[in-house]
Amino acid sequence: MAKRPRRNPSPAFKAKVALAAARGEKTLAELAQQFDVHPRQG
């Protein structure tokens, strides 16, 4: 399996993900899938 190149998310992207998580409307797994990040990242 090929590895994806490492990404460096912008502060704006991190803020968007954090706000979505703080709202609590979706589970962490759902948010990870929506934003294409690993569930344990962050």
PDB file of N, CA and C in Angstrom:
ATOM      1  N   MET A   1       0.840  -1.169   0.000  1.00  0.00           N
ATOM      2  CA  MET A   1       0.000   0.000   0.000  1.00  0.00           C
ATOM      3  C   MET A   1       0.892   1.240   0.000  1.00  0.00           C
ATOM      4  N   ALA A   2       0.624   2.146  -0.902  1.00  0.00           N
ATOM      5  CA  ALA A   2       1.423   3.364  -1.018  1.00  0.00           C
ATOM      6  C   ALA A   2       1.001   4.377   0.032  1.00  0.00           C
ATOM      7  N   LYS A   3       1.994   5.047   0.588  1.00  0.00           N
ATOM      8  CA  LYS A   3       1.700   6.089   1.573  1.00  0.00           C
ATOM      9  C   LYS A   3       1.347   7.381   0.858  1.00  0.00           C
ATOM     10  N   ARG A   4       0.439   8.138   1.480  1.00  0.00           N
ATOM     11  CA  ARG A   4       0.113   9.454   0.948  1.00  0.00           C
ATOM     12  C   ARG A   4       1.218  10.416   1.377  1.00  0.00           C
ATOM     13  N   PRO A   5       1.460  11.439   0.583  1.00  0.00           N
ATOM     14  CA  PRO A   5       2.445  12.432   1.019  1.00  0.00           C
ATOM     15  C   PRO A   5       1.954  13.144   2.273  1.00  0.00           C
ATOM     16  N   ARG A   6       2.903  13.515   3.094  1.00  0.00           N
ATOM     17  CA  ARG A   6       2.547  14.192   4.347  1.00  0.00           C
ATOM     18  C   ARG A   6       1.942  15.557   4.059  1.00  0.00           C
ATOM     19  N   ARG A   7       0.847  15.863   4.764  1.00  0.00           N
ATOM     20  CA  ARG A   7       0.172  17.148   4.580  1.00  0.00           C
ATOM     21  C   ARG A   7       0.379  18.004   5.817  1.00  0.00           C
ATOM     22  N   ASN A   8       0.468  19.292   5.622  1.00  0.00           N
ATOM     23  CA  ASN A   8       0.553  20.235   6.728  1.00  0.00           C
ATOM     24  C   ASN A   8      -0.700  21.100   6.700  1.00  0.00           C
ATOM     25  N   PRO A   9      -1.693  20.763   7.533  1.00  0.00           N
ATOM     26  CA  PRO A   9      -2.941  21.515   7.507  1.00  0.00           C
ATOM     27  C   PRO A   9      -2.753  22.955   7.978  1.00  0.00           C
ATOM     28  N   SER A  10      -3.478  23.837   7.359  1.00  0.00           N
ATOM     29  CA  SER A  10      -3.404  25.257   7.699  1.00  0.00           C
ATOM     30  C   SER A  10      -4.121  25.511   9.026  1.00  0.00           C
ATOM     31  N   PRO A  11      -3.786  26.607   9.680  1.00  0.00           N
ATOM     32  CA  PRO A  11      -4.488  26.959  10.918  1.00  0.00           C
ATOM     33  C   PRO A  11      -6.002  27.118  10.696  1.00  0.00           C
ATOM     34  N   ALA A  12      -6.405  27.605   9.537  1.00  0.00           N
ATOM     35  CA  ALA A  12      -7.833  27.763   9.243  1.00  0.00           C
ATOM     36  C   ALA A  12      -8.523  26.395   9.181  1.00  0.00           C
ATOM     37  N   PHE A  13      -7.862  25.415   8.568  1.00  0.00           N
ATOM     38  CA  PHE A  13      -8.430  24.069   8.483  1.00  0.00           C
ATOM     39  C   PHE A  13      -8.541  23.468   9.885  1.00  0.00           C
ATOM     40  N   LYS A  14      -7.503  23.635  10.696  1.00  0.00           N
ATOM     41  CA  LYS A  14      -7.521  23.105  12.057  1.00  0.00           C
ATOM     42  C   LYS A  14      -8.655  23.728  12.868  1.00  0.00           C
ATOM     43  N   ALA A  15      -8.865  25.023  12.690  1.00  0.00           N
ATOM     44  CA  ALA A  15      -9.938  25.706  13.408  1.00  0.00           C
ATOM     45  C   ALA A  15     -11.301  25.185  12.972  1.00  0.00           C
ATOM     46  N   LYS A  16     -11.459  24.955  11.678  1.00  0.00           N
ATOM     47  CA  LYS A  16     -12.734  24.454  11.156  1.00  0.00           C
ATOM     48  C   LYS A  16     -13.043  23.072  11.737  1.00  0.00           C
ATOM     49  N   VAL A  17     -12.032  22.208  11.794  1.00  0.00           N
ATOM     50  CA  VAL A  17     -12.224  20.867  12.350  1.00  0.00           C
ATOM     51  C   VAL A  17     -12.514  20.947  13.846  1.00  0.00           C
ATOM     52  N   ALA A  18     -11.791  21.808  14.556  1.00  0.00           N
ATOM     53  CA  ALA A  18     -12.000  21.949  16.000  1.00  0.00           C
ATOM     54  C   ALA A  18     -13.399  22.464  16.318  1.00  0.00           C
ATOM     55  N   LEU A  19     -13.876  23.428  15.549  1.00  0.00           N
ATOM     56  CA  LEU A  19     -15.227  23.947  15.770  1.00  0.00           C
ATOM     57  C   LEU A  19     -16.281  22.875  15.506  1.00  0.00           C
ATOM     58  N   ALA A  20     -16.075  22.093  14.466  1.00  0.00           N
ATOM     59  CA  ALA A  20     -17.020  21.016  14.159  1.00  0.00           C
ATOM     60  C   ALA A  20     -17.038  19.989  15.290  1.00  0.00           C
ATOM     61  N   ALA A  21     -15.873  19.691  15.855  1.00  0.00           N
ATOM     62  CA  ALA A  21     -15.801  18.731  16.957  1.00  0.00           C
ATOM     63  C   ALA A  21     -16.446  19.303  18.222  1.00  0.00           C
ATOM     64  N   ALA A  22     -16.255  20.587  18.455  1.00  0.00           N
ATOM     65  CA  ALA A  22     -16.805  21.219  19.654  1.00  0.00           C
ATOM     66  C   ALA A  22     -18.331  21.266  19.624  1.00  0.00           C
ATOM     67  N   ARG A  23     -18.899  21.342  18.431  1.00  0.00           N
ATOM     68  CA  ARG A  23     -20.363  21.361  18.320  1.00  0.00           C
ATOM     69  C   ARG A  23     -20.966  20.051  18.815  1.00  0.00           C
ATOM     70  N   GLY A  24     -20.231  18.947  18.633  1.00  0.00           N
ATOM     71  CA  GLY A  24     -20.695  17.652  19.125  1.00  0.00           C
ATOM     72  C   GLY A  24     -21.822  17.050  18.329  1.00  0.00           C
ATOM     73  N   GLU A  25     -22.056  17.513  17.098  1.00  0.00           N
ATOM     74  CA  GLU A  25     -23.158  16.988  16.287  1.00  0.00           C
ATOM     75  C   GLU A  25     -22.811  15.649  15.634  1.00  0.00           C
ATOM     76  N   LYS A  26     -21.518  15.386  15.465  1.00  0.00           N
ATOM     77  CA  LYS A  26     -21.082  14.138  14.834  1.00  0.00           C
ATOM     78  C   LYS A  26     -20.032  13.481  15.718  1.00  0.00           C
ATOM     79  N   THR A  27     -19.847  12.174  15.508  1.00  0.00           N
ATOM     80  CA  THR A  27     -18.817  11.461  16.249  1.00  0.00           C
ATOM     81  C   THR A  27     -17.447  11.811  15.665  1.00  0.00           C
ATOM     82  N   LEU A  28     -16.392  11.491  16.412  1.00  0.00           N
ATOM     83  CA  LEU A  28     -15.040  11.751  15.918  1.00  0.00           C
ATOM     84  C   LEU A  28     -14.762  10.967  14.638  1.00  0.00           C
ATOM     85  N   ALA A  29     -15.277   9.753  14.558  1.00  0.00           N
ATOM     86  CA  ALA A  29     -15.069   8.949  13.352  1.00  0.00           C
ATOM     87  C   ALA A  29     -15.736   9.598  12.140  1.00  0.00           C
ATOM     88  N   GLU A  30     -16.932  10.129  12.329  1.00  0.00           N
ATOM     89  CA  GLU A  30     -17.628  10.801  11.229  1.00  0.00           C
ATOM     90  C   GLU A  30     -16.902  12.062  10.800  1.00  0.00           C
ATOM     91  N   LEU A  31     -16.410  12.830  11.773  1.00  0.00           N
ATOM     92  CA  LEU A  31     -15.660  14.040  11.445  1.00  0.00           C
ATOM     93  C   LEU A  31     -14.366  13.703  10.719  1.00  0.00           C
ATOM     94  N   ALA A  32     -13.681  12.660  11.171  1.00  0.00           N
ATOM     95  CA  ALA A  32     -12.429  12.258  10.532  1.00  0.00           C
ATOM     96  C   ALA A  32     -12.664  11.889   9.070  1.00  0.00           C
ATOM     97  N   GLN A  33     -13.748  11.178   8.822  1.00  0.00           N
ATOM     98  CA  GLN A  33     -14.071  10.800   7.450  1.00  0.00           C
ATOM     99  C   GLN A  33     -14.441  12.031   6.625  1.00  0.00           C
ATOM    100  N   GLN A  34     -15.198  12.936   7.202  1.00  0.00           N
ATOM    101  CA  GLN A  34     -15.636  14.138   6.495  1.00  0.00           C
ATOM    102  C   GLN A  34     -14.441  15.007   6.105  1.00  0.00           C
ATOM    103  N   PHE A  35     -13.484  15.153   7.013  1.00  0.00           N
ATOM    104  CA  PHE A  35     -12.342  16.043   6.767  1.00  0.00           C
ATOM    105  C   PHE A  35     -11.113  15.303   6.244  1.00  0.00           C
ATOM    106  N   ASP A  36     -11.236  13.993   6.003  1.00  0.00           N
ATOM    107  CA  ASP A  36     -10.167  13.161   5.457  1.00  0.00           C
ATOM    108  C   ASP A  36      -8.902  13.227   6.318  1.00  0.00           C
ATOM    109  N   VAL A  37      -9.085  12.993   7.611  1.00  0.00           N
ATOM    110  CA  VAL A  37      -7.957  12.883   8.533  1.00  0.00           C
ATOM    111  C   VAL A  37      -8.120  11.599   9.340  1.00  0.00           C
ATOM    112  N   HIS A  38      -7.044  11.163   9.988  1.00  0.00           N
ATOM    113  CA  HIS A  38      -7.104   9.955  10.816  1.00  0.00           C
ATOM    114  C   HIS A  38      -7.880  10.267  12.090  1.00  0.00           C
ATOM    115  N   PRO A  39      -8.728   9.358  12.578  1.00  0.00           N
ATOM    116  CA  PRO A  39      -9.533   9.628  13.766  1.00  0.00           C
ATOM    117  C   PRO A  39      -8.726   9.975  15.020  1.00  0.00           C
ATOM    118  N   ARG A  40      -7.507   9.482  15.123  1.00  0.00           N
ATOM    119  CA  ARG A  40      -6.709   9.740  16.328  1.00  0.00           C
ATOM    120  C   ARG A  40      -5.786  10.931  16.156  1.00  0.00           C
ATOM    121  N   GLN A  41      -5.844  11.583  15.013  1.00  0.00           N
ATOM    122  CA  GLN A  41      -4.994  12.734  14.751  1.00  0.00           C
ATOM    123  C   GLN A  41      -5.543  13.945  15.482  1.00  0.00           C
ATOM    124  N   GLY A  42      -4.660  14.756  15.987  1.00  0.00           N
ATOM    125  CA  GLY A  42      -5.103  15.993  16.597  1.00  0.00           C
ATOM    126  C   GLY A  42      -4.997  15.908  18.041  1.00  0.00           C
TER     127      GLY A  42
END
